[in-house]
Amino acid sequence: MLSHRNVVSNVLSVLKRVRPSTEDVFLSFLPLSHTFERTVGYYLPIATGSAVAYARSIPQLGDDMRTIRPTVLVAVPRIYERAYTAIRSELTKKGPLARAE
């Protein structure tokens, strides 16, 4: 179990490396029961006065990103891998000229 002190310590540690502002918009899509999402996607924005928008679902994440235009996206590595694979797949369909840009 994480104590209040654990969570506050985690948030303060993140703030030593990353300084979100009141202008930042986080896009939250991981389950709030996930400790990573709760700490970095929920408590951190509260601590810095940033806004949090909640995605409708993982399948609609791309549309939500285009609509919300977040400045901060907190995710686990698998999400970045999926995005990278999708981008590479689209570039492969477009041919070598698109891949060269």
PDB file of N, CA and C in Angstrom:
ATOM      1  N   MET A   1       0.832  -1.161   0.000  1.00  0.00           N
ATOM      2  CA  MET A   1       0.000   0.000   0.000  1.00  0.00           C
ATOM      3  C   MET A   1       0.893   1.246   0.000  1.00  0.00           C
ATOM      4  N   LEU A   2       0.526   2.221  -0.792  1.00  0.00           N
ATOM      5  CA  LEU A   2       1.256   3.483  -0.825  1.00  0.00           C
ATOM      6  C   LEU A   2       0.642   4.445   0.187  1.00  0.00           C
ATOM      7  N   SER A   3       1.490   5.047   0.963  1.00  0.00           N
ATOM      8  CA  SER A   3       1.013   6.030   1.932  1.00  0.00           C
ATOM      9  C   SER A   3       0.923   7.401   1.264  1.00  0.00           C
ATOM     10  N   HIS A   4       0.310   8.330   1.954  1.00  0.00           N
ATOM     11  CA  HIS A   4       0.245   9.702   1.469  1.00  0.00           C
ATOM     12  C   HIS A   4       1.660  10.240   1.257  1.00  0.00           C
ATOM     13  N   ARG A   5       2.542   9.938   2.189  1.00  0.00           N
ATOM     14  CA  ARG A   5       3.938  10.384   2.089  1.00  0.00           C
ATOM     15  C   ARG A   5       4.608   9.804   0.836  1.00  0.00           C
ATOM     16  N   ASN A   6       4.332   8.530   0.512  1.00  0.00           N
ATOM     17  CA  ASN A   6       4.893   7.927  -0.703  1.00  0.00           C
ATOM     18  C   ASN A   6       4.454   8.681  -1.950  1.00  0.00           C
ATOM     19  N   VAL A   7       3.173   8.945  -2.039  1.00  0.00           N
ATOM     20  CA  VAL A   7       2.631   9.622  -3.222  1.00  0.00           C
ATOM     21  C   VAL A   7       3.201  11.031  -3.338  1.00  0.00           C
ATOM     22  N   VAL A   8       3.209  11.778  -2.247  1.00  0.00           N
ATOM     23  CA  VAL A   8       3.758  13.141  -2.271  1.00  0.00           C
ATOM     24  C   VAL A   8       5.234  13.115  -2.640  1.00  0.00           C
ATOM     25  N   SER A   9       5.973  12.167  -2.119  1.00  0.00           N
ATOM     26  CA  SER A   9       7.387  12.029  -2.459  1.00  0.00           C
ATOM     27  C   SER A   9       7.568  11.770  -3.952  1.00  0.00           C
ATOM     28  N   ASN A  10       6.733  10.909  -4.518  1.00  0.00           N
ATOM     29  CA  ASN A  10       6.804  10.631  -5.956  1.00  0.00           C
ATOM     30  C   ASN A  10       6.534  11.885  -6.780  1.00  0.00           C
ATOM     31  N   VAL A  11       5.498  12.625  -6.420  1.00  0.00           N
ATOM     32  CA  VAL A  11       5.160  13.848  -7.150  1.00  0.00           C
ATOM     33  C   VAL A  11       6.302  14.860  -7.047  1.00  0.00           C
ATOM     34  N   LEU A  12       6.838  15.046  -5.850  1.00  0.00           N
ATOM     35  CA  LEU A  12       7.948  15.992  -5.678  1.00  0.00           C
ATOM     36  C   LEU A  12       9.181  15.561  -6.466  1.00  0.00           C
ATOM     37  N   SER A  13       9.415  14.268  -6.553  1.00  0.00           N
ATOM     38  CA  SER A  13      10.550  13.766  -7.338  1.00  0.00           C
ATOM     39  C   SER A  13      10.361  14.056  -8.818  1.00  0.00           C
ATOM     40  N   VAL A  14       9.150  13.873  -9.325  1.00  0.00           N
ATOM     41  CA  VAL A  14       8.871  14.177 -10.728  1.00  0.00           C
ATOM     42  C   VAL A  14       9.095  15.665 -10.988  1.00  0.00           C
ATOM     43  N   LEU A  15       8.667  16.505 -10.052  1.00  0.00           N
ATOM     44  CA  LEU A  15       8.801  17.952 -10.226  1.00  0.00           C
ATOM     45  C   LEU A  15      10.251  18.427 -10.272  1.00  0.00           C
ATOM     46  N   LYS A  16      11.177  17.590  -9.822  1.00  0.00           N
ATOM     47  CA  LYS A  16      12.596  17.930  -9.936  1.00  0.00           C
ATOM     48  C   LYS A  16      13.081  17.808 -11.379  1.00  0.00           C
ATOM     49  N   ARG A  17      12.371  17.025 -12.196  1.00  0.00           N
ATOM     50  CA  ARG A  17      12.779  16.781 -13.586  1.00  0.00           C
ATOM     51  C   ARG A  17      11.841  17.414 -14.606  1.00  0.00           C
ATOM     52  N   VAL A  18      10.567  17.495 -14.272  1.00  0.00           N
ATOM     53  CA  VAL A  18       9.549  17.963 -15.208  1.00  0.00           C
ATOM     54  C   VAL A  18       8.739  19.060 -14.523  1.00  0.00           C
ATOM     55  N   ARG A  19       8.531  20.165 -15.206  1.00  0.00           N
ATOM     56  CA  ARG A  19       7.804  21.287 -14.611  1.00  0.00           C
ATOM     57  C   ARG A  19       6.570  21.642 -15.441  1.00  0.00           C
ATOM     58  N   PRO A  20       5.491  20.893 -15.310  1.00  0.00           N
ATOM     59  CA  PRO A  20       4.260  21.280 -16.012  1.00  0.00           C
ATOM     60  C   PRO A  20       3.783  22.646 -15.508  1.00  0.00           C
ATOM     61  N   SER A  21       3.078  23.353 -16.369  1.00  0.00           N
ATOM     62  CA  SER A  21       2.583  24.671 -15.991  1.00  0.00           C
ATOM     63  C   SER A  21       1.062  24.688 -15.995  1.00  0.00           C
ATOM     64  N   THR A  22       0.506  25.819 -15.621  1.00  0.00           N
ATOM     65  CA  THR A  22      -0.951  25.974 -15.639  1.00  0.00           C
ATOM     66  C   THR A  22      -1.485  25.984 -17.067  1.00  0.00           C
ATOM     67  N   GLU A  23      -0.596  26.155 -18.037  1.00  0.00           N
ATOM     68  CA  GLU A  23      -0.994  26.143 -19.450  1.00  0.00           C
ATOM     69  C   GLU A  23      -1.053  24.723 -20.019  1.00  0.00           C
ATOM     70  N   ASP A  24      -0.450  23.758 -19.340  1.00  0.00           N
ATOM     71  CA  ASP A  24      -0.398  22.387 -19.845  1.00  0.00           C
ATOM     72  C   ASP A  24      -1.739  21.678 -19.709  1.00  0.00           C
ATOM     73  N   VAL A  25      -1.984  20.786 -20.672  1.00  0.00           N
ATOM     74  CA  VAL A  25      -3.173  19.937 -20.662  1.00  0.00           C
ATOM     75  C   VAL A  25      -2.701  18.491 -20.747  1.00  0.00           C
ATOM     76  N   PHE A  26      -2.995  17.721 -19.725  1.00  0.00           N
ATOM     77  CA  PHE A  26      -2.683  16.294 -19.691  1.00  0.00           C
ATOM     78  C   PHE A  26      -3.842  15.537 -20.323  1.00  0.00           C
ATOM     79  N   LEU A  27      -3.544  14.486 -21.060  1.00  0.00           N
ATOM     80  CA  LEU A  27      -4.585  13.596 -21.562  1.00  0.00           C
ATOM     81  C   LEU A  27      -4.462  12.284 -20.812  1.00  0.00           C
ATOM     82  N   SER A  28      -5.468  11.977 -20.038  1.00  0.00           N
ATOM     83  CA  SER A  28      -5.470  10.769 -19.215  1.00  0.00           C
ATOM     84  C   SER A  28      -6.259   9.669 -19.910  1.00  0.00           C
ATOM     85  N   PHE A  29      -5.646   8.496 -20.027  1.00  0.00           N
ATOM     86  CA  PHE A  29      -6.366   7.375 -20.629  1.00  0.00           C
ATOM     87  C   PHE A  29      -6.074   6.044 -19.957  1.00  0.00           C
ATOM     88  N   LEU A  30      -5.056   5.998 -19.109  1.00  0.00           N
ATOM     89  CA  LEU A  30      -4.801   4.774 -18.352  1.00  0.00           C
ATOM     90  C   LEU A  30      -5.816   4.693 -17.217  1.00  0.00           C
ATOM     91  N   PRO A  31      -6.094   3.496 -16.717  1.00  0.00           N
ATOM     92  CA  PRO A  31      -7.041   3.385 -15.603  1.00  0.00           C
ATOM     93  C   PRO A  31      -6.539   4.153 -14.378  1.00  0.00           C
ATOM     94  N   LEU A  32      -7.438   4.867 -13.715  1.00  0.00           N
ATOM     95  CA  LEU A  32      -7.043   5.618 -12.516  1.00  0.00           C
ATOM     96  C   LEU A  32      -6.640   4.689 -11.376  1.00  0.00           C
ATOM     97  N   SER A  33      -6.956   3.423 -11.485  1.00  0.00           N
ATOM     98  CA  SER A  33      -6.502   2.468 -10.474  1.00  0.00           C
ATOM     99  C   SER A  33      -5.017   2.136 -10.663  1.00  0.00           C
ATOM    100  N   HIS A  34      -4.451   2.502 -11.801  1.00  0.00           N
ATOM    101  CA  HIS A  34      -3.046   2.284 -12.100  1.00  0.00           C
ATOM    102  C   HIS A  34      -2.241   3.340 -11.336  1.00  0.00           C
ATOM    103  N   THR A  35      -1.321   2.926 -10.493  1.00  0.00           N
ATOM    104  CA  THR A  35      -0.565   3.853  -9.647  1.00  0.00           C
ATOM    105  C   THR A  35       0.184   4.899 -10.467  1.00  0.00           C
ATOM    106  N   PHE A  36       0.728   4.493 -11.585  1.00  0.00           N
ATOM    107  CA  PHE A  36       1.447   5.438 -12.444  1.00  0.00           C
ATOM    108  C   PHE A  36       0.515   6.549 -12.917  1.00  0.00           C
ATOM    109  N   GLU A  37      -0.651   6.178 -13.423  1.00  0.00           N
ATOM    110  CA  GLU A  37      -1.609   7.175 -13.906  1.00  0.00           C
ATOM    111  C   GLU A  37      -2.101   8.056 -12.770  1.00  0.00           C
ATOM    112  N   ARG A  38      -2.384   7.454 -11.646  1.00  0.00           N
ATOM    113  CA  ARG A  38      -2.898   8.216 -10.512  1.00  0.00           C
ATOM    114  C   ARG A  38      -1.878   9.263 -10.064  1.00  0.00           C
ATOM    115  N   THR A  39      -0.611   8.868 -10.006  1.00  0.00           N
ATOM    116  CA  THR A  39       0.426   9.778  -9.506  1.00  0.00           C
ATOM    117  C   THR A  39       0.793  10.845 -10.526  1.00  0.00           C
ATOM    118  N   VAL A  40       1.129  10.424 -11.768  1.00  0.00           N
ATOM    119  CA  VAL A  40       1.668  11.358 -12.751  1.00  0.00           C
ATOM    120  C   VAL A  40       0.578  11.992 -13.623  1.00  0.00           C
ATOM    121  N   GLY A  41      -0.548  11.332 -13.763  1.00  0.00           N
ATOM    122  CA  GLY A  41      -1.607  11.875 -14.603  1.00  0.00           C
ATOM    123  C   GLY A  41      -2.744  12.514 -13.838  1.00  0.00           C
ATOM    124  N   TYR A  42      -2.677  12.460 -12.516  1.00  0.00           N
ATOM    125  CA  TYR A  42      -3.777  12.975 -11.689  1.00  0.00           C
ATOM    126  C   TYR A  42      -3.247  13.902 -10.602  1.00  0.00           C
ATOM    127  N   TYR A  43      -2.387  13.378  -9.717  1.00  0.00           N
ATOM    128  CA  TYR A  43      -1.856  14.192  -8.619  1.00  0.00           C
ATOM    129  C   TYR A  43      -0.868  15.255  -9.100  1.00  0.00           C
ATOM    130  N   LEU A  44      -0.018  14.918 -10.061  1.00  0.00           N
ATOM    131  CA  LEU A  44       0.944  15.891 -10.587  1.00  0.00           C
ATOM    132  C   LEU A  44       0.237  17.103 -11.192  1.00  0.00           C
ATOM    133  N   PRO A  45      -0.763  16.908 -12.066  1.00  0.00           N
ATOM    134  CA  PRO A  45      -1.462  18.084 -12.589  1.00  0.00           C
ATOM    135  C   PRO A  45      -2.165  18.899 -11.496  1.00  0.00           C
ATOM    136  N   ILE A  46      -2.680  18.241 -10.488  1.00  0.00           N
ATOM    137  CA  ILE A  46      -3.296  18.971  -9.378  1.00  0.00           C
ATOM    138  C   ILE A  46      -2.240  19.835  -8.694  1.00  0.00           C
ATOM    139  N   ALA A  47      -1.059  19.275  -8.480  1.00  0.00           N
ATOM    140  CA  ALA A  47       0.015  19.996  -7.792  1.00  0.00           C
ATOM    141  C   ALA A  47       0.503  21.207  -8.589  1.00  0.00           C
ATOM    142  N   THR A  48       0.389  21.142  -9.906  1.00  0.00           N
ATOM    143  CA  THR A  48       0.923  22.224 -10.737  1.00  0.00           C
ATOM    144  C   THR A  48      -0.166  23.124 -11.322  1.00  0.00           C
ATOM    145  N   GLY A  49      -1.421  22.816 -11.066  1.00  0.00           N
ATOM    146  CA  GLY A  49      -2.514  23.623 -11.600  1.00  0.00           C
ATOM    147  C   GLY A  49      -2.777  23.390 -13.070  1.00  0.00           C
ATOM    148  N   SER A  50      -2.310  22.264 -13.594  1.00  0.00           N
ATOM    149  CA  SER A  50      -2.527  21.921 -14.998  1.00  0.00           C
ATOM    150  C   SER A  50      -3.930  21.341 -15.172  1.00  0.00           C
ATOM    151  N   ALA A  51      -4.394  21.323 -16.407  1.00  0.00           N
ATOM    152  CA  ALA A  51      -5.697  20.742 -16.723  1.00  0.00           C
ATOM    153  C   ALA A  51      -5.530  19.262 -17.077  1.00  0.00           C
ATOM    154  N   VAL A  52      -6.576  18.488 -16.813  1.00  0.00           N
ATOM    155  CA  VAL A  52      -6.581  17.074 -17.186  1.00  0.00           C
ATOM    156  C   VAL A  52      -7.840  16.806 -18.006  1.00  0.00           C
ATOM    157  N   ALA A  53      -7.660  16.234 -19.179  1.00  0.00           N
ATOM    158  CA  ALA A  53      -8.775  15.782 -20.003  1.00  0.00           C
ATOM    159  C   ALA A  53      -8.741  14.265 -20.005  1.00  0.00           C
ATOM    160  N   TYR A  54      -9.904  13.651 -20.047  1.00  0.00           N
ATOM    161  CA  TYR A  54      -9.999  12.198 -20.013  1.00  0.00           C
ATOM    162  C   TYR A  54     -10.436  11.664 -21.368  1.00  0.00           C
ATOM    163  N   ALA A  55      -9.647  10.743 -21.899  1.00  0.00           N
ATOM    164  CA  ALA A  55      -9.974  10.125 -23.178  1.00  0.00           C
ATOM    165  C   ALA A  55     -11.212   9.250 -23.019  1.00  0.00           C
ATOM    166  N   ARG A  56     -11.957   9.125 -24.102  1.00  0.00           N
ATOM    167  CA  ARG A  56     -13.178   8.309 -24.063  1.00  0.00           C
ATOM    168  C   ARG A  56     -12.859   6.829 -23.982  1.00  0.00           C
ATOM    169  N   SER A  57     -11.848   6.409 -24.737  1.00  0.00           N
ATOM    170  CA  SER A  57     -11.444   5.002 -24.743  1.00  0.00           C
ATOM    171  C   SER A  57     -10.137   4.887 -25.513  1.00  0.00           C
ATOM    172  N   ILE A  58      -9.477   3.756 -25.380  1.00  0.00           N
ATOM    173  CA  ILE A  58      -8.229   3.529 -26.113  1.00  0.00           C
ATOM    174  C   ILE A  58      -8.471   3.544 -27.629  1.00  0.00           C
ATOM    175  N   PRO A  59      -9.516   2.864 -28.136  1.00  0.00           N
ATOM    176  CA  PRO A  59      -9.730   2.927 -29.594  1.00  0.00           C
ATOM    177  C   PRO A  59      -9.976   4.349 -30.114  1.00  0.00           C
ATOM    178  N   GLN A  60     -10.485   5.244 -29.283  1.00  0.00           N
ATOM    179  CA  GLN A  60     -10.764   6.616 -29.704  1.00  0.00           C
ATOM    180  C   GLN A  60      -9.643   7.581 -29.300  1.00  0.00           C
ATOM    181  N   LEU A  61      -8.533   7.049 -28.827  1.00  0.00           N
ATOM    182  CA  LEU A  61      -7.433   7.883 -28.337  1.00  0.00           C
ATOM    183  C   LEU A  61      -6.891   8.823 -29.413  1.00  0.00           C
ATOM    184  N   GLY A  62      -6.714   8.329 -30.623  1.00  0.00           N
ATOM    185  CA  GLY A  62      -6.212   9.174 -31.707  1.00  0.00           C
ATOM    186  C   GLY A  62      -7.125  10.363 -31.974  1.00  0.00           C
ATOM    187  N   ASP A  63      -8.433  10.111 -32.040  1.00  0.00           N
ATOM    188  CA  ASP A  63      -9.397  11.194 -32.247  1.00  0.00           C
ATOM    189  C   ASP A  63      -9.382  12.167 -31.078  1.00  0.00           C
ATOM    190  N   ASP A  64      -9.307  11.631 -29.859  1.00  0.00           N
ATOM    191  CA  ASP A  64      -9.273  12.497 -28.676  1.00  0.00           C
ATOM    192  C   ASP A  64      -8.011  13.359 -28.665  1.00  0.00           C
ATOM    193  N   MET A  65      -6.899  12.804 -29.117  1.00  0.00           N
ATOM    194  CA  MET A  65      -5.654  13.587 -29.166  1.00  0.00           C
ATOM    195  C   MET A  65      -5.778  14.738 -30.164  1.00  0.00           C
ATOM    196  N   ARG A  66      -6.421  14.461 -31.316  1.00  0.00           N
ATOM    197  CA  ARG A  66      -6.598  15.529 -32.305  1.00  0.00           C
ATOM    198  C   ARG A  66      -7.556  16.607 -31.800  1.00  0.00           C
ATOM    199  N   THR A  67      -8.574  16.218 -31.062  1.00  0.00           N
ATOM    200  CA  THR A  67      -9.556  17.168 -30.540  1.00  0.00           C
ATOM    201  C   THR A  67      -9.012  17.963 -29.356  1.00  0.00           C
ATOM    202  N   ILE A  68      -8.431  17.272 -28.402  1.00  0.00           N
ATOM    203  CA  ILE A  68      -7.980  17.896 -27.152  1.00  0.00           C
ATOM    204  C   ILE A  68      -6.644  18.612 -27.327  1.00  0.00           C
ATOM    205  N   ARG A  69      -5.780  18.059 -28.173  1.00  0.00           N
ATOM    206  CA  ARG A  69      -4.442  18.601 -28.414  1.00  0.00           C
ATOM    207  C   ARG A  69      -3.662  18.770 -27.105  1.00  0.00           C
ATOM    208  N   PRO A  70      -3.445  17.658 -26.391  1.00  0.00           N
ATOM    209  CA  PRO A  70      -2.749  17.744 -25.100  1.00  0.00           C
ATOM    210  C   PRO A  70      -1.295  18.180 -25.266  1.00  0.00           C
ATOM    211  N   THR A  71      -0.784  18.801 -24.227  1.00  0.00           N
ATOM    212  CA  THR A  71       0.631  19.161 -24.219  1.00  0.00           C
ATOM    213  C   THR A  71       1.448  18.124 -23.462  1.00  0.00           C
ATOM    214  N   VAL A  72       0.770  17.283 -22.670  1.00  0.00           N
ATOM    215  CA  VAL A  72       1.437  16.226 -21.908  1.00  0.00           C
ATOM    216  C   VAL A  72       0.645  14.932 -22.086  1.00  0.00           C
ATOM    217  N   LEU A  73       1.340  13.876 -22.433  1.00  0.00           N
ATOM    218  CA  LEU A  73       0.722  12.560 -22.557  1.00  0.00           C
ATOM    219  C   LEU A  73       1.545  11.585 -21.733  1.00  0.00           C
ATOM    220  N   VAL A  74       0.949  11.078 -20.690  1.00  0.00           N
ATOM    221  CA  VAL A  74       1.617  10.129 -19.812  1.00  0.00           C
ATOM    222  C   VAL A  74       1.157   8.734 -20.225  1.00  0.00           C
ATOM    223  N   ALA A  75       2.114   7.881 -20.549  1.00  0.00           N
ATOM    224  CA  ALA A  75       1.739   6.549 -21.027  1.00  0.00           C
ATOM    225  C   ALA A  75       2.791   5.527 -20.622  1.00  0.00           C
ATOM    226  N   VAL A  76       2.394   4.289 -20.751  1.00  0.00           N
ATOM    227  CA  VAL A  76       3.310   3.178 -20.540  1.00  0.00           C
ATOM    228  C   VAL A  76       3.963   2.849 -21.885  1.00  0.00           C
ATOM    229  N   PRO A  77       5.118   2.197 -21.895  1.00  0.00           N
ATOM    230  CA  PRO A  77       5.839   1.938 -23.146  1.00  0.00           C
ATOM    231  C   PRO A  77       5.005   1.270 -24.238  1.00  0.00           C
ATOM    232  N   ARG A  78       4.099   0.398 -23.884  1.00  0.00           N
ATOM    233  CA  ARG A  78       3.311  -0.313 -24.900  1.00  0.00           C
ATOM    234  C   ARG A  78       2.508   0.654 -25.767  1.00  0.00           C
ATOM    235  N   ILE A  79       2.031   1.745 -25.205  1.00  0.00           N
ATOM    236  CA  ILE A  79       1.260   2.727 -25.980  1.00  0.00           C
ATOM    237  C   ILE A  79       2.165   3.390 -27.018  1.00  0.00           C
ATOM    238  N   TYR A  80       3.384   3.749 -26.625  1.00  0.00           N
ATOM    239  CA  TYR A  80       4.318   4.365 -27.568  1.00  0.00           C
ATOM    240  C   TYR A  80       4.720   3.381 -28.657  1.00  0.00           C
ATOM    241  N   GLU A  81       4.872   2.112 -28.302  1.00  0.00           N
ATOM    242  CA  GLU A  81       5.196   1.086 -29.293  1.00  0.00           C
ATOM    243  C   GLU A  81       4.076   0.956 -30.312  1.00  0.00           C
ATOM    244  N   ARG A  82       2.835   0.977 -29.852  1.00  0.00           N
ATOM    245  CA  ARG A  82       1.686   0.868 -30.760  1.00  0.00           C
ATOM    246  C   ARG A  82       1.628   2.068 -31.700  1.00  0.00           C
ATOM    247  N   ALA A  83       1.869   3.261 -31.169  1.00  0.00           N
ATOM    248  CA  ALA A  83       1.850   4.466 -32.006  1.00  0.00           C
ATOM    249  C   ALA A  83       2.953   4.402 -33.054  1.00  0.00           C
ATOM    250  N   TYR A  84       4.149   3.994 -32.648  1.00  0.00           N
ATOM    251  CA  TYR A  84       5.281   3.881 -33.566  1.00  0.00           C
ATOM    252  C   TYR A  84       4.972   2.876 -34.681  1.00  0.00           C
ATOM    253  N   THR A  85       4.408   1.738 -34.308  1.00  0.00           N
ATOM    254  CA  THR A  85       4.056   0.710 -35.297  1.00  0.00           C
ATOM    255  C   THR A  85       3.010   1.232 -36.272  1.00  0.00           C
ATOM    256  N   ALA A  86       2.017   1.953 -35.775  1.00  0.00           N
ATOM    257  CA  ALA A  86       0.970   2.498 -36.643  1.00  0.00           C
ATOM    258  C   ALA A  86       1.545   3.523 -37.617  1.00  0.00           C
ATOM    259  N   ILE A  87       2.432   4.373 -37.140  1.00  0.00           N
ATOM    260  CA  ILE A  87       3.053   5.384 -38.005  1.00  0.00           C
ATOM    261  C   ILE A  87       3.896   4.712 -39.079  1.00  0.00           C
ATOM    262  N   ARG A  88       4.697   3.731 -38.681  1.00  0.00           N
ATOM    263  CA  ARG A  88       5.545   3.015 -39.660  1.00  0.00           C
ATOM    264  C   ARG A  88       4.686   2.299 -40.695  1.00  0.00           C
ATOM    265  N   SER A  89       3.581   1.726 -40.267  1.00  0.00           N
ATOM    266  CA  SER A  89       2.688   1.026 -41.183  1.00  0.00           C
ATOM    267  C   SER A  89       2.113   1.986 -42.225  1.00  0.00           C
ATOM    268  N   GLU A  90       1.689   3.155 -41.777  1.00  0.00           N
ATOM    269  CA  GLU A  90       1.151   4.162 -42.704  1.00  0.00           C
ATOM    270  C   GLU A  90       2.224   4.642 -43.677  1.00  0.00           C
ATOM    271  N   LEU A  91       3.440   4.847 -43.194  1.00  0.00           N
ATOM    272  CA  LEU A  91       4.524   5.279 -44.068  1.00  0.00           C
ATOM    273  C   LEU A  91       4.868   4.216 -45.104  1.00  0.00           C
ATOM    274  N   THR A  92       4.798   2.953 -44.706  1.00  0.00           N
ATOM    275  CA  THR A  92       5.079   1.854 -45.635  1.00  0.00           C
ATOM    276  C   THR A  92       4.059   1.852 -46.774  1.00  0.00           C
ATOM    277  N   LYS A  93       2.803   2.134 -46.441  1.00  0.00           N
ATOM    278  CA  LYS A  93       1.752   2.178 -47.462  1.00  0.00           C
ATOM    279  C   LYS A  93       1.970   3.326 -48.446  1.00  0.00           C
ATOM    280  N   LYS A  94       2.577   4.417 -47.983  1.00  0.00           N
ATOM    281  CA  LYS A  94       2.746   5.601 -48.825  1.00  0.00           C
ATOM    282  C   LYS A  94       3.962   5.507 -49.738  1.00  0.00           C
ATOM    283  N   GLY A  95       4.884   4.638 -49.436  1.00  0.00           N
ATOM    284  CA  GLY A  95       6.017   4.468 -50.316  1.00  0.00           C
ATOM    285  C   GLY A  95       7.284   5.150 -49.814  1.00  0.00           C
ATOM    286  N   PRO A  96       8.370   4.978 -50.568  1.00  0.00           N
ATOM    287  CA  PRO A  96       9.687   5.438 -50.136  1.00  0.00           C
ATOM    288  C   PRO A  96       9.803   6.960 -50.018  1.00  0.00           C
ATOM    289  N   LEU A  97       9.107   7.703 -50.838  1.00  0.00           N
ATOM    290  CA  LEU A  97       9.205   9.158 -50.773  1.00  0.00           C
ATOM    291  C   LEU A  97       8.673   9.682 -49.437  1.00  0.00           C
ATOM    292  N   ALA A  98       7.569   9.150 -48.967  1.00  0.00           N
ATOM    293  CA  ALA A  98       6.990   9.564 -47.695  1.00  0.00           C
ATOM    294  C   ALA A  98       7.924   9.186 -46.534  1.00  0.00           C
ATOM    295  N   ARG A  99       8.574   8.041 -46.643  1.00  0.00           N
ATOM    296  CA  ARG A  99       9.485   7.601 -45.586  1.00  0.00           C
ATOM    297  C   ARG A  99      10.746   8.470 -45.546  1.00  0.00           C
ATOM    298  N   ALA A 100      11.113   9.089 -46.659  1.00  0.00           N
ATOM    299  CA  ALA A 100      12.338   9.877 -46.713  1.00  0.00           C
ATOM    300  C   ALA A 100      12.179  11.252 -46.099  1.00  0.00           C
ATOM    301  N   GLU A 101      10.988  11.732 -45.949  1.00  0.00           N
ATOM    302  CA  GLU A 101      10.779  13.098 -45.439  1.00  0.00           C
ATOM    303  C   GLU A 101      11.074  13.210 -44.001  1.00  0.00           C
TER     304      GLU A 101
END
